[in-house]
Amino acid sequence: MSPEKEPLFQEDLRLLPWTSDTGKPCYLAPGADDGMISALADAAEDRQIGEAARVLRECEAVLAQPAAGALALRLALTAAARALRDVARVAHSRGLRLGACGEE
């Protein structure tokens, strides 16, 4: 099998910051770092990181209110969990590209 035809392994691919419509991870082939999909992924990661910072500020504000009710706490925790999931995916993707972390 020639090098151009060898199957790509997951560590060769960029984990994108979104999933397929069935919830499976999406990847970008190596060598596409300057392409449109890579630019979209970079922008999505930046938005996710910014959103996480905003959610953190809002959660801190809710937690600073001694009278915050169960609903406010639940909504804050739900938003925090979503933001943490997104930022953890960005960190994992970037770690894979840097060779700083494994698949798990």
PDB file of N, CA and C in Angstrom:
ATOM      1  N   MET A   1       0.850  -1.173   0.000  1.00  0.00           N
ATOM      2  CA  MET A   1       0.000   0.000   0.000  1.00  0.00           C
ATOM      3  C   MET A   1       0.898   1.239   0.000  1.00  0.00           C
ATOM      4  N   SER A   2       0.655   2.193  -0.876  1.00  0.00           N
ATOM      5  CA  SER A   2       1.479   3.395  -0.937  1.00  0.00           C
ATOM      6  C   SER A   2       1.160   4.317   0.237  1.00  0.00           C
ATOM      7  N   PRO A   3       2.094   5.208   0.617  1.00  0.00           N
ATOM      8  CA  PRO A   3       1.855   6.101   1.757  1.00  0.00           C
ATOM      9  C   PRO A   3       0.616   6.979   1.581  1.00  0.00           C
ATOM     10  N   GLU A   4       0.301   7.354   0.341  1.00  0.00           N
ATOM     11  CA  GLU A   4      -0.868   8.200   0.121  1.00  0.00           C
ATOM     12  C   GLU A   4      -2.181   7.438   0.369  1.00  0.00           C
ATOM     13  N   LYS A   5      -2.139   6.126   0.261  1.00  0.00           N
ATOM     14  CA  LYS A   5      -3.359   5.329   0.382  1.00  0.00           C
ATOM     15  C   LYS A   5      -3.507   4.684   1.752  1.00  0.00           C
ATOM     16  N   GLU A   6      -2.523   4.864   2.655  1.00  0.00           N
ATOM     17  CA  GLU A   6      -2.647   4.264   3.975  1.00  0.00           C
ATOM     18  C   GLU A   6      -3.819   4.875   4.720  1.00  0.00           C
ATOM     19  N   PRO A   7      -4.536   4.074   5.494  1.00  0.00           N
ATOM     20  CA  PRO A   7      -5.671   4.618   6.234  1.00  0.00           C
ATOM     21  C   PRO A   7      -5.196   5.615   7.275  1.00  0.00           C
ATOM     22  N   LEU A   8      -6.008   6.634   7.490  1.00  0.00           N
ATOM     23  CA  LEU A   8      -5.694   7.624   8.507  1.00  0.00           C
ATOM     24  C   LEU A   8      -6.063   7.063   9.873  1.00  0.00           C
ATOM     25  N   PHE A   9      -5.213   7.300  10.822  1.00  0.00           N
ATOM     26  CA  PHE A   9      -5.498   6.890  12.184  1.00  0.00           C
ATOM     27  C   PHE A   9      -5.980   8.108  12.951  1.00  0.00           C
ATOM     28  N   GLN A  10      -6.726   7.890  14.008  1.00  0.00           N
ATOM     29  CA  GLN A  10      -7.344   8.972  14.752  1.00  0.00           C
ATOM     30  C   GLN A  10      -6.325   9.994  15.223  1.00  0.00           C
ATOM     31  N   GLU A  11      -5.121   9.565  15.604  1.00  0.00           N
ATOM     32  CA  GLU A  11      -4.132  10.523  16.094  1.00  0.00           C
ATOM     33  C   GLU A  11      -3.614  11.432  14.984  1.00  0.00           C
ATOM     34  N   ASP A  12      -3.845  11.078  13.727  1.00  0.00           N
ATOM     35  CA  ASP A  12      -3.453  11.923  12.604  1.00  0.00           C
ATOM     36  C   ASP A  12      -4.504  12.989  12.297  1.00  0.00           C
ATOM     37  N   LEU A  13      -5.678  12.865  12.877  1.00  0.00           N
ATOM     38  CA  LEU A  13      -6.803  13.724  12.529  1.00  0.00           C
ATOM     39  C   LEU A  13      -7.028  14.805  13.578  1.00  0.00           C
ATOM     40  N   ARG A  14      -7.613  15.899  13.157  1.00  0.00           N
ATOM     41  CA  ARG A  14      -7.988  16.955  14.096  1.00  0.00           C
ATOM     42  C   ARG A  14      -9.420  16.700  14.553  1.00  0.00           C
ATOM     43  N   LEU A  15      -9.594  16.606  15.859  1.00  0.00           N
ATOM     44  CA  LEU A  15     -10.932  16.482  16.432  1.00  0.00           C
ATOM     45  C   LEU A  15     -11.611  17.840  16.329  1.00  0.00           C
ATOM     46  N   LEU A  16     -12.742  17.881  15.659  1.00  0.00           N
ATOM     47  CA  LEU A  16     -13.447  19.144  15.454  1.00  0.00           C
ATOM     48  C   LEU A  16     -14.354  19.444  16.649  1.00  0.00           C
ATOM     49  N   PRO A  17     -14.684  20.723  16.854  1.00  0.00           N
ATOM     50  CA  PRO A  17     -15.472  21.099  18.039  1.00  0.00           C
ATOM     51  C   PRO A  17     -16.973  20.891  17.884  1.00  0.00           C
ATOM     52  N   TRP A  18     -17.375  19.995  17.019  1.00  0.00           N
ATOM     53  CA  TRP A  18     -18.785  19.662  16.861  1.00  0.00           C
ATOM     54  C   TRP A  18     -18.895  18.174  16.577  1.00  0.00           C
ATOM     55  N   THR A  19     -20.110  17.671  16.658  1.00  0.00           N
ATOM     56  CA  THR A  19     -20.360  16.257  16.374  1.00  0.00           C
ATOM     57  C   THR A  19     -21.270  16.154  15.155  1.00  0.00           C
ATOM     58  N   SER A  20     -21.376  14.944  14.649  1.00  0.00           N
ATOM     59  CA  SER A  20     -22.279  14.704  13.517  1.00  0.00           C
ATOM     60  C   SER A  20     -23.718  14.765  14.012  1.00  0.00           C
ATOM     61  N   ASP A  21     -24.659  14.685  13.095  1.00  0.00           N
ATOM     62  CA  ASP A  21     -26.074  14.711  13.486  1.00  0.00           C
ATOM     63  C   ASP A  21     -26.469  13.484  14.306  1.00  0.00           C
ATOM     64  N   THR A  22     -25.627  12.463  14.302  1.00  0.00           N
ATOM     65  CA  THR A  22     -25.889  11.281  15.126  1.00  0.00           C
ATOM     66  C   THR A  22     -25.068  11.294  16.416  1.00  0.00           C
ATOM     67  N   GLY A  23     -24.346  12.392  16.674  1.00  0.00           N
ATOM     68  CA  GLY A  23     -23.586  12.523  17.913  1.00  0.00           C
ATOM     69  C   GLY A  23     -22.180  11.954  17.873  1.00  0.00           C
ATOM     70  N   LYS A  24     -21.732  11.530  16.712  1.00  0.00           N
ATOM     71  CA  LYS A  24     -20.380  10.972  16.600  1.00  0.00           C
ATOM     72  C   LYS A  24     -19.372  12.097  16.379  1.00  0.00           C
ATOM     73  N   PRO A  25     -18.127  11.898  16.836  1.00  0.00           N
ATOM     74  CA  PRO A  25     -17.117  12.936  16.645  1.00  0.00           C
ATOM     75  C   PRO A  25     -16.817  13.164  15.172  1.00  0.00           C
ATOM     76  N   CYS A  26     -16.456  14.401  14.856  1.00  0.00           N
ATOM     77  CA  CYS A  26     -16.065  14.767  13.493  1.00  0.00           C
ATOM     78  C   CYS A  26     -14.576  15.085  13.498  1.00  0.00           C
ATOM     79  N   TYR A  27     -13.902  14.715  12.415  1.00  0.00           N
ATOM     80  CA  TYR A  27     -12.455  14.900  12.320  1.00  0.00           C
ATOM     81  C   TYR A  27     -12.111  15.576  11.009  1.00  0.00           C
ATOM     82  N   LEU A  28     -10.947  16.226  11.013  1.00  0.00           N
ATOM     83  CA  LEU A  28     -10.418  16.867   9.816  1.00  0.00           C
ATOM     84  C   LEU A  28      -9.101  16.204   9.477  1.00  0.00           C
ATOM     85  N   ALA A  29      -8.933  15.878   8.207  1.00  0.00           N
ATOM     86  CA  ALA A  29      -7.711  15.210   7.760  1.00  0.00           C
ATOM     87  C   ALA A  29      -6.507  16.132   7.908  1.00  0.00           C
ATOM     88  N   PRO A  30      -5.327  15.539   8.120  1.00  0.00           N
ATOM     89  CA  PRO A  30      -4.123  16.363   8.225  1.00  0.00           C
ATOM     90  C   PRO A  30      -3.845  17.080   6.906  1.00  0.00           C
ATOM     91  N   GLY A  31      -3.166  18.208   7.012  1.00  0.00           N
ATOM     92  CA  GLY A  31      -2.836  18.973   5.821  1.00  0.00           C
ATOM     93  C   GLY A  31      -3.908  19.974   5.432  1.00  0.00           C
ATOM     94  N   ALA A  32      -5.015  19.999   6.171  1.00  0.00           N
ATOM     95  CA  ALA A  32      -6.103  20.927   5.862  1.00  0.00           C
ATOM     96  C   ALA A  32      -6.110  22.102   6.839  1.00  0.00           C
ATOM     97  N   ASP A  33      -4.961  22.393   7.426  1.00  0.00           N
ATOM     98  CA  ASP A  33      -4.877  23.425   8.460  1.00  0.00           C
ATOM     99  C   ASP A  33      -5.195  24.823   7.960  1.00  0.00           C
ATOM    100  N   ASP A  34      -5.020  25.076   6.681  1.00  0.00           N
ATOM    101  CA  ASP A  34      -5.276  26.404   6.131  1.00  0.00           C
ATOM    102  C   ASP A  34      -6.608  26.482   5.400  1.00  0.00           C
ATOM    103  N   GLY A  35      -7.418  25.448   5.511  1.00  0.00           N
ATOM    104  CA  GLY A  35      -8.673  25.406   4.772  1.00  0.00           C
ATOM    105  C   GLY A  35      -9.838  26.043   5.499  1.00  0.00           C
ATOM    106  N   MET A  36     -10.972  26.062   4.817  1.00  0.00           N
ATOM    107  CA  MET A  36     -12.176  26.682   5.342  1.00  0.00           C
ATOM    108  C   MET A  36     -12.715  25.946   6.574  1.00  0.00           C
ATOM    109  N   ILE A  37     -12.694  24.624   6.558  1.00  0.00           N
ATOM    110  CA  ILE A  37     -13.206  23.857   7.698  1.00  0.00           C
ATOM    111  C   ILE A  37     -12.338  24.112   8.929  1.00  0.00           C
ATOM    112  N   SER A  38     -11.036  24.176   8.745  1.00  0.00           N
ATOM    113  CA  SER A  38     -10.135  24.473   9.849  1.00  0.00           C
ATOM    114  C   SER A  38     -10.423  25.860  10.428  1.00  0.00           C
ATOM    115  N   ALA A  39     -10.657  26.839   9.562  1.00  0.00           N
ATOM    116  CA  ALA A  39     -10.981  28.192  10.021  1.00  0.00           C
ATOM    117  C   ALA A  39     -12.317  28.207  10.772  1.00  0.00           C
ATOM    118  N   LEU A  40     -13.310  27.452  10.274  1.00  0.00           N
ATOM    119  CA  LEU A  40     -14.594  27.346  10.970  1.00  0.00           C
ATOM    120  C   LEU A  40     -14.421  26.696  12.338  1.00  0.00           C
ATOM    121  N   ALA A  41     -13.580  25.666  12.400  1.00  0.00           N
ATOM    122  CA  ALA A  41     -13.328  24.990  13.671  1.00  0.00           C
ATOM    123  C   ALA A  41     -12.631  25.933  14.652  1.00  0.00           C
ATOM    124  N   ASP A  42     -11.654  26.692  14.176  1.00  0.00           N
ATOM    125  CA  ASP A  42     -10.964  27.654  15.041  1.00  0.00           C
ATOM    126  C   ASP A  42     -11.947  28.679  15.595  1.00  0.00           C
ATOM    127  N   ALA A  43     -12.830  29.185  14.734  1.00  0.00           N
ATOM    128  CA  ALA A  43     -13.823  30.182  15.166  1.00  0.00           C
ATOM    129  C   ALA A  43     -14.807  29.566  16.163  1.00  0.00           C
ATOM    130  N   ALA A  44     -15.222  28.330  15.920  1.00  0.00           N
ATOM    131  CA  ALA A  44     -16.146  27.654  16.843  1.00  0.00           C
ATOM    132  C   ALA A  44     -15.485  27.441  18.197  1.00  0.00           C
ATOM    133  N   GLU A  45     -14.215  27.038  18.194  1.00  0.00           N
ATOM    134  CA  GLU A  45     -13.492  26.857  19.456  1.00  0.00           C
ATOM    135  C   GLU A  45     -13.388  28.173  20.208  1.00  0.00           C
ATOM    136  N   ASP A  46     -13.087  29.251  19.500  1.00  0.00           N
ATOM    137  CA  ASP A  46     -13.004  30.571  20.141  1.00  0.00           C
ATOM    138  C   ASP A  46     -14.340  30.967  20.756  1.00  0.00           C
ATOM    139  N   ARG A  47     -15.440  30.714  20.039  1.00  0.00           N
ATOM    140  CA  ARG A  47     -16.769  31.018  20.579  1.00  0.00           C
ATOM    141  C   ARG A  47     -17.051  30.179  21.819  1.00  0.00           C
ATOM    142  N   GLN A  48     -16.693  28.900  21.775  1.00  0.00           N
ATOM    143  CA  GLN A  48     -16.949  28.016  22.915  1.00  0.00           C
ATOM    144  C   GLN A  48     -16.157  28.463  24.140  1.00  0.00           C
ATOM    145  N   ILE A  49     -14.925  28.880  23.946  1.00  0.00           N
ATOM    146  CA  ILE A  49     -14.112  29.354  25.065  1.00  0.00           C
ATOM    147  C   ILE A  49     -14.696  30.657  25.623  1.00  0.00           C
ATOM    148  N   GLY A  50     -15.106  31.571  24.743  1.00  0.00           N
ATOM    149  CA  GLY A  50     -15.736  32.817  25.192  1.00  0.00           C
ATOM    150  C   GLY A  50     -17.035  32.565  25.928  1.00  0.00           C
ATOM    151  N   GLU A  51     -17.827  31.635  25.428  1.00  0.00           N
ATOM    152  CA  GLU A  51     -19.088  31.271  26.073  1.00  0.00           C
ATOM    153  C   GLU A  51     -18.828  30.682  27.452  1.00  0.00           C
ATOM    154  N   ALA A  52     -17.795  29.873  27.581  1.00  0.00           N
ATOM    155  CA  ALA A  52     -17.463  29.287  28.879  1.00  0.00           C
ATOM    156  C   ALA A  52     -17.078  30.370  29.879  1.00  0.00           C
ATOM    157  N   ALA A  53     -16.346  31.373  29.445  1.00  0.00           N
ATOM    158  CA  ALA A  53     -15.969  32.478  30.335  1.00  0.00           C
ATOM    159  C   ALA A  53     -17.218  33.237  30.794  1.00  0.00           C
ATOM    160  N   ARG A  54     -18.157  33.452  29.868  1.00  0.00           N
ATOM    161  CA  ARG A  54     -19.401  34.140  30.219  1.00  0.00           C
ATOM    162  C   ARG A  54     -20.222  33.320  31.204  1.00  0.00           C
ATOM    163  N   VAL A  55     -20.334  32.015  30.954  1.00  0.00           N
ATOM    164  CA  VAL A  55     -21.088  31.127  31.838  1.00  0.00           C
ATOM    165  C   VAL A  55     -20.452  31.101  33.228  1.00  0.00           C
ATOM    166  N   LEU A  56     -19.134  31.085  33.284  1.00  0.00           N
ATOM    167  CA  LEU A  56     -18.447  31.095  34.574  1.00  0.00           C
ATOM    168  C   LEU A  56     -18.811  32.349  35.369  1.00  0.00           C
ATOM    169  N   ARG A  57     -18.795  33.507  34.724  1.00  0.00           N
ATOM    170  CA  ARG A  57     -19.165  34.754  35.415  1.00  0.00           C
ATOM    171  C   ARG A  57     -20.605  34.686  35.917  1.00  0.00           C
ATOM    172  N   GLU A  58     -21.511  34.167  35.095  1.00  0.00           N
ATOM    173  CA  GLU A  58     -22.909  34.068  35.505  1.00  0.00           C
ATOM    174  C   GLU A  58     -23.091  33.083  36.658  1.00  0.00           C
ATOM    175  N   CYS A  59     -22.373  31.968  36.608  1.00  0.00           N
ATOM    176  CA  CYS A  59     -22.463  30.988  37.697  1.00  0.00           C
ATOM    177  C   CYS A  59     -21.937  31.577  39.006  1.00  0.00           C
ATOM    178  N   GLU A  60     -20.837  32.311  38.916  1.00  0.00           N
ATOM    179  CA  GLU A  60     -20.293  32.945  40.109  1.00  0.00           C
ATOM    180  C   GLU A  60     -21.282  33.948  40.692  1.00  0.00           C
ATOM    181  N   ALA A  61     -21.995  34.668  39.826  1.00  0.00           N
ATOM    182  CA  ALA A  61     -22.996  35.631  40.297  1.00  0.00           C
ATOM    183  C   ALA A  61     -24.144  34.913  40.997  1.00  0.00           C
ATOM    184  N   VAL A  62     -24.596  33.794  40.453  1.00  0.00           N
ATOM    185  CA  VAL A  62     -25.673  33.023  41.092  1.00  0.00           C
ATOM    186  C   VAL A  62     -25.204  32.485  42.434  1.00  0.00           C
ATOM    187  N   LEU A  63     -23.994  31.952  42.476  1.00  0.00           N
ATOM    188  CA  LEU A  63     -23.481  31.383  43.723  1.00  0.00           C
ATOM    189  C   LEU A  63     -23.244  32.446  44.793  1.00  0.00           C
ATOM    190  N   ALA A  64     -23.027  33.680  44.374  1.00  0.00           N
ATOM    191  CA  ALA A  64     -22.812  34.768  45.331  1.00  0.00           C
ATOM    192  C   ALA A  64     -24.122  35.228  45.977  1.00  0.00           C
ATOM    193  N   GLN A  65     -25.241  34.784  45.437  1.00  0.00           N
ATOM    194  CA  GLN A  65     -26.547  35.160  45.987  1.00  0.00           C
ATOM    195  C   GLN A  65     -27.000  34.094  46.989  1.00  0.00           C
ATOM    196  N   PRO A  66     -26.963  34.410  48.282  1.00  0.00           N
ATOM    197  CA  PRO A  66     -27.362  33.408  49.286  1.00  0.00           C
ATOM    198  C   PRO A  66     -28.797  32.921  49.109  1.00  0.00           C
ATOM    199  N   ALA A  67     -29.646  33.753  48.526  1.00  0.00           N
ATOM    200  CA  ALA A  67     -31.049  33.378  48.372  1.00  0.00           C
ATOM    201  C   ALA A  67     -31.344  32.724  47.028  1.00  0.00           C
ATOM    202  N   ALA A  68     -30.321  32.378  46.272  1.00  0.00           N
ATOM    203  CA  ALA A  68     -30.552  31.746  44.961  1.00  0.00           C
ATOM    204  C   ALA A  68     -31.337  30.455  45.157  1.00  0.00           C
ATOM    205  N   GLY A  69     -32.376  30.330  44.387  1.00  0.00           N
ATOM    206  CA  GLY A  69     -33.238  29.162  44.516  1.00  0.00           C
ATOM    207  C   GLY A  69     -32.724  27.956  43.741  1.00  0.00           C
ATOM    208  N   ALA A  70     -33.426  26.871  43.923  1.00  0.00           N
ATOM    209  CA  ALA A  70     -33.038  25.613  43.285  1.00  0.00           C
ATOM    210  C   ALA A  70     -33.042  25.735  41.761  1.00  0.00           C
ATOM    211  N   LEU A  71     -34.012  26.454  41.206  1.00  0.00           N
ATOM    212  CA  LEU A  71     -34.082  26.593  39.755  1.00  0.00           C
ATOM    213  C   LEU A  71     -32.883  27.372  39.225  1.00  0.00           C
ATOM    214  N   ALA A  72     -32.533  28.470  39.869  1.00  0.00           N
ATOM    215  CA  ALA A  72     -31.382  29.266  39.435  1.00  0.00           C
ATOM    216  C   ALA A  72     -30.104  28.437  39.512  1.00  0.00           C
ATOM    217  N   LEU A  73     -29.950  27.669  40.585  1.00  0.00           N
ATOM    218  CA  LEU A  73     -28.767  26.820  40.724  1.00  0.00           C
ATOM    219  C   LEU A  73     -28.743  25.725  39.665  1.00  0.00           C
ATOM    220  N   ARG A  74     -29.895  25.139  39.400  1.00  0.00           N
ATOM    221  CA  ARG A  74     -29.971  24.083  38.386  1.00  0.00           C
ATOM    222  C   ARG A  74     -29.640  24.630  36.992  1.00  0.00           C
ATOM    223  N   LEU A  75     -30.178  25.793  36.661  1.00  0.00           N
ATOM    224  CA  LEU A  75     -29.891  26.400  35.360  1.00  0.00           C
ATOM    225  C   LEU A  75     -28.409  26.748  35.243  1.00  0.00           C
ATOM    226  N   ALA A  76     -27.832  27.289  36.305  1.00  0.00           N
ATOM    227  CA  ALA A  76     -26.406  27.635  36.289  1.00  0.00           C
ATOM    228  C   ALA A  76     -25.558  26.384  36.132  1.00  0.00           C
ATOM    229  N   LEU A  77     -25.912  25.327  36.832  1.00  0.00           N
ATOM    230  CA  LEU A  77     -25.146  24.088  36.737  1.00  0.00           C
ATOM    231  C   LEU A  77     -25.282  23.453  35.358  1.00  0.00           C
ATOM    232  N   THR A  78     -26.458  23.520  34.773  1.00  0.00           N
ATOM    233  CA  THR A  78     -26.665  22.989  33.427  1.00  0.00           C
ATOM    234  C   THR A  78     -25.812  23.744  32.412  1.00  0.00           C
ATOM    235  N   ALA A  79     -25.809  25.070  32.500  1.00  0.00           N
ATOM    236  CA  ALA A  79     -24.987  25.878  31.594  1.00  0.00           C
ATOM    237  C   ALA A  79     -23.501  25.602  31.823  1.00  0.00           C
ATOM    238  N   ALA A  80     -23.107  25.462  33.082  1.00  0.00           N
ATOM    239  CA  ALA A  80     -21.700  25.193  33.393  1.00  0.00           C
ATOM    240  C   ALA A  80     -21.269  23.824  32.855  1.00  0.00           C
ATOM    241  N   ALA A  81     -22.114  22.834  32.973  1.00  0.00           N
ATOM    242  CA  ALA A  81     -21.782  21.500  32.464  1.00  0.00           C
ATOM    243  C   ALA A  81     -21.625  21.518  30.953  1.00  0.00           C
ATOM    244  N   ARG A  82     -22.502  22.225  30.259  1.00  0.00           N
ATOM    245  CA  ARG A  82     -22.428  22.329  28.802  1.00  0.00           C
ATOM    246  C   ARG A  82     -21.131  23.035  28.386  1.00  0.00           C
ATOM    247  N   ALA A  83     -20.823  24.139  29.058  1.00  0.00           N
ATOM    248  CA  ALA A  83     -19.610  24.897  28.734  1.00  0.00           C
ATOM    249  C   ALA A  83     -18.361  24.076  29.052  1.00  0.00           C
ATOM    250  N   LEU A  84     -18.370  23.360  30.163  1.00  0.00           N
ATOM    251  CA  LEU A  84     -17.222  22.540  30.534  1.00  0.00           C
ATOM    252  C   LEU A  84     -17.008  21.423  29.520  1.00  0.00           C
ATOM    253  N   ARG A  85     -18.089  20.808  29.049  1.00  0.00           N
ATOM    254  CA  ARG A  85     -17.977  19.768  28.028  1.00  0.00           C
ATOM    255  C   ARG A  85     -17.334  20.316  26.759  1.00  0.00           C
ATOM    256  N   ASP A  86     -17.784  21.489  26.331  1.00  0.00           N
ATOM    257  CA  ASP A  86     -17.242  22.091  25.114  1.00  0.00           C
ATOM    258  C   ASP A  86     -15.775  22.460  25.267  1.00  0.00           C
ATOM    259  N   VAL A  87     -15.417  23.077  26.386  1.00  0.00           N
ATOM    260  CA  VAL A  87     -14.033  23.503  26.602  1.00  0.00           C
ATOM    261  C   VAL A  87     -13.117  22.294  26.792  1.00  0.00           C
ATOM    262  N   ALA A  88     -13.613  21.250  27.428  1.00  0.00           N
ATOM    263  CA  ALA A  88     -12.809  20.026  27.575  1.00  0.00           C
ATOM    264  C   ALA A  88     -12.538  19.408  26.201  1.00  0.00           C
ATOM    265  N   ARG A  89     -13.507  19.465  25.301  1.00  0.00           N
ATOM    266  CA  ARG A  89     -13.320  18.947  23.939  1.00  0.00           C
ATOM    267  C   ARG A  89     -12.270  19.768  23.192  1.00  0.00           C
ATOM    268  N   VAL A  90     -12.322  21.108  23.345  1.00  0.00           N
ATOM    269  CA  VAL A  90     -11.323  21.977  22.718  1.00  0.00           C
ATOM    270  C   VAL A  90      -9.943  21.649  23.270  1.00  0.00           C
ATOM    271  N   ALA A  91      -9.842  21.538  24.591  1.00  0.00           N
ATOM    272  CA  ALA A  91      -8.543  21.238  25.208  1.00  0.00           C
ATOM    273  C   ALA A  91      -8.020  19.880  24.744  1.00  0.00           C
ATOM    274  N   HIS A  92      -8.897  18.899  24.660  1.00  0.00           N
ATOM    275  CA  HIS A  92      -8.492  17.564  24.217  1.00  0.00           C
ATOM    276  C   HIS A  92      -8.003  17.614  22.765  1.00  0.00           C
ATOM    277  N   SER A  93      -8.754  18.299  21.915  1.00  0.00           N
ATOM    278  CA  SER A  93      -8.378  18.414  20.507  1.00  0.00           C
ATOM    279  C   SER A  93      -7.020  19.088  20.360  1.00  0.00           C
ATOM    280  N   ARG A  94      -6.830  20.180  21.082  1.00  0.00           N
ATOM    281  CA  ARG A  94      -5.555  20.887  20.994  1.00  0.00           C
ATOM    282  C   ARG A  94      -4.424  20.056  21.591  1.00  0.00           C
ATOM    283  N   GLY A  95      -4.714  19.338  22.663  1.00  0.00           N
ATOM    284  CA  GLY A  95      -3.704  18.465  23.251  1.00  0.00           C
ATOM    285  C   GLY A  95      -3.287  17.349  22.309  1.00  0.00           C
ATOM    286  N   LEU A  96      -4.242  16.790  21.595  1.00  0.00           N
ATOM    287  CA  LEU A  96      -3.916  15.755  20.610  1.00  0.00           C
ATOM    288  C   LEU A  96      -3.015  16.309  19.519  1.00  0.00           C
ATOM    289  N   ARG A  97      -3.333  17.509  19.045  1.00  0.00           N
ATOM    290  CA  ARG A  97      -2.524  18.111  17.980  1.00  0.00           C
ATOM    291  C   ARG A  97      -1.110  18.439  18.454  1.00  0.00           C
ATOM    292  N   LEU A  98      -0.966  18.741  19.740  1.00  0.00           N
ATOM    293  CA  LEU A  98       0.354  19.050  20.293  1.00  0.00           C
ATOM    294  C   LEU A  98       1.089  17.793  20.743  1.00  0.00           C
ATOM    295  N   GLY A  99       0.383  16.658  20.759  1.00  0.00           N
ATOM    296  CA  GLY A  99       0.978  15.426  21.237  1.00  0.00           C
ATOM    297  C   GLY A  99       1.093  15.396  22.761  1.00  0.00           C
ATOM    298  N   ALA A 100       0.301  16.233  23.419  1.00  0.00           N
ATOM    299  CA  ALA A 100       0.395  16.362  24.869  1.00  0.00           C
ATOM    300  C   ALA A 100      -0.572  15.456  25.621  1.00  0.00           C
ATOM    301  N   CYS A 101      -1.500  14.800  24.922  1.00  0.00           N
ATOM    302  CA  CYS A 101      -2.437  13.920  25.617  1.00  0.00           C
ATOM    303  C   CYS A 101      -2.785  12.753  24.725  1.00  0.00           C
ATOM    304  N   GLY A 102      -3.272  11.696  25.360  1.00  0.00           N
ATOM    305  CA  GLY A 102      -3.672  10.498  24.624  1.00  0.00           C
ATOM    306  C   GLY A 102      -5.132  10.550  24.264  1.00  0.00           C
ATOM    307  N   GLU A 103      -5.627   9.483  23.701  1.00  0.00           N
ATOM    308  CA  GLU A 103      -7.011   9.425  23.245  1.00  0.00           C
ATOM    309  C   GLU A 103      -8.001   9.495  24.396  1.00  0.00           C
ATOM    310  N   GLU A 104      -7.645   9.025  25.563  1.00  0.00           N
ATOM    311  CA  GLU A 104      -8.565   9.058  26.697  1.00  0.00           C
ATOM    312  C   GLU A 104      -8.418  10.380  27.393  1.00  0.00           C
TER     313      GLU A 104
END
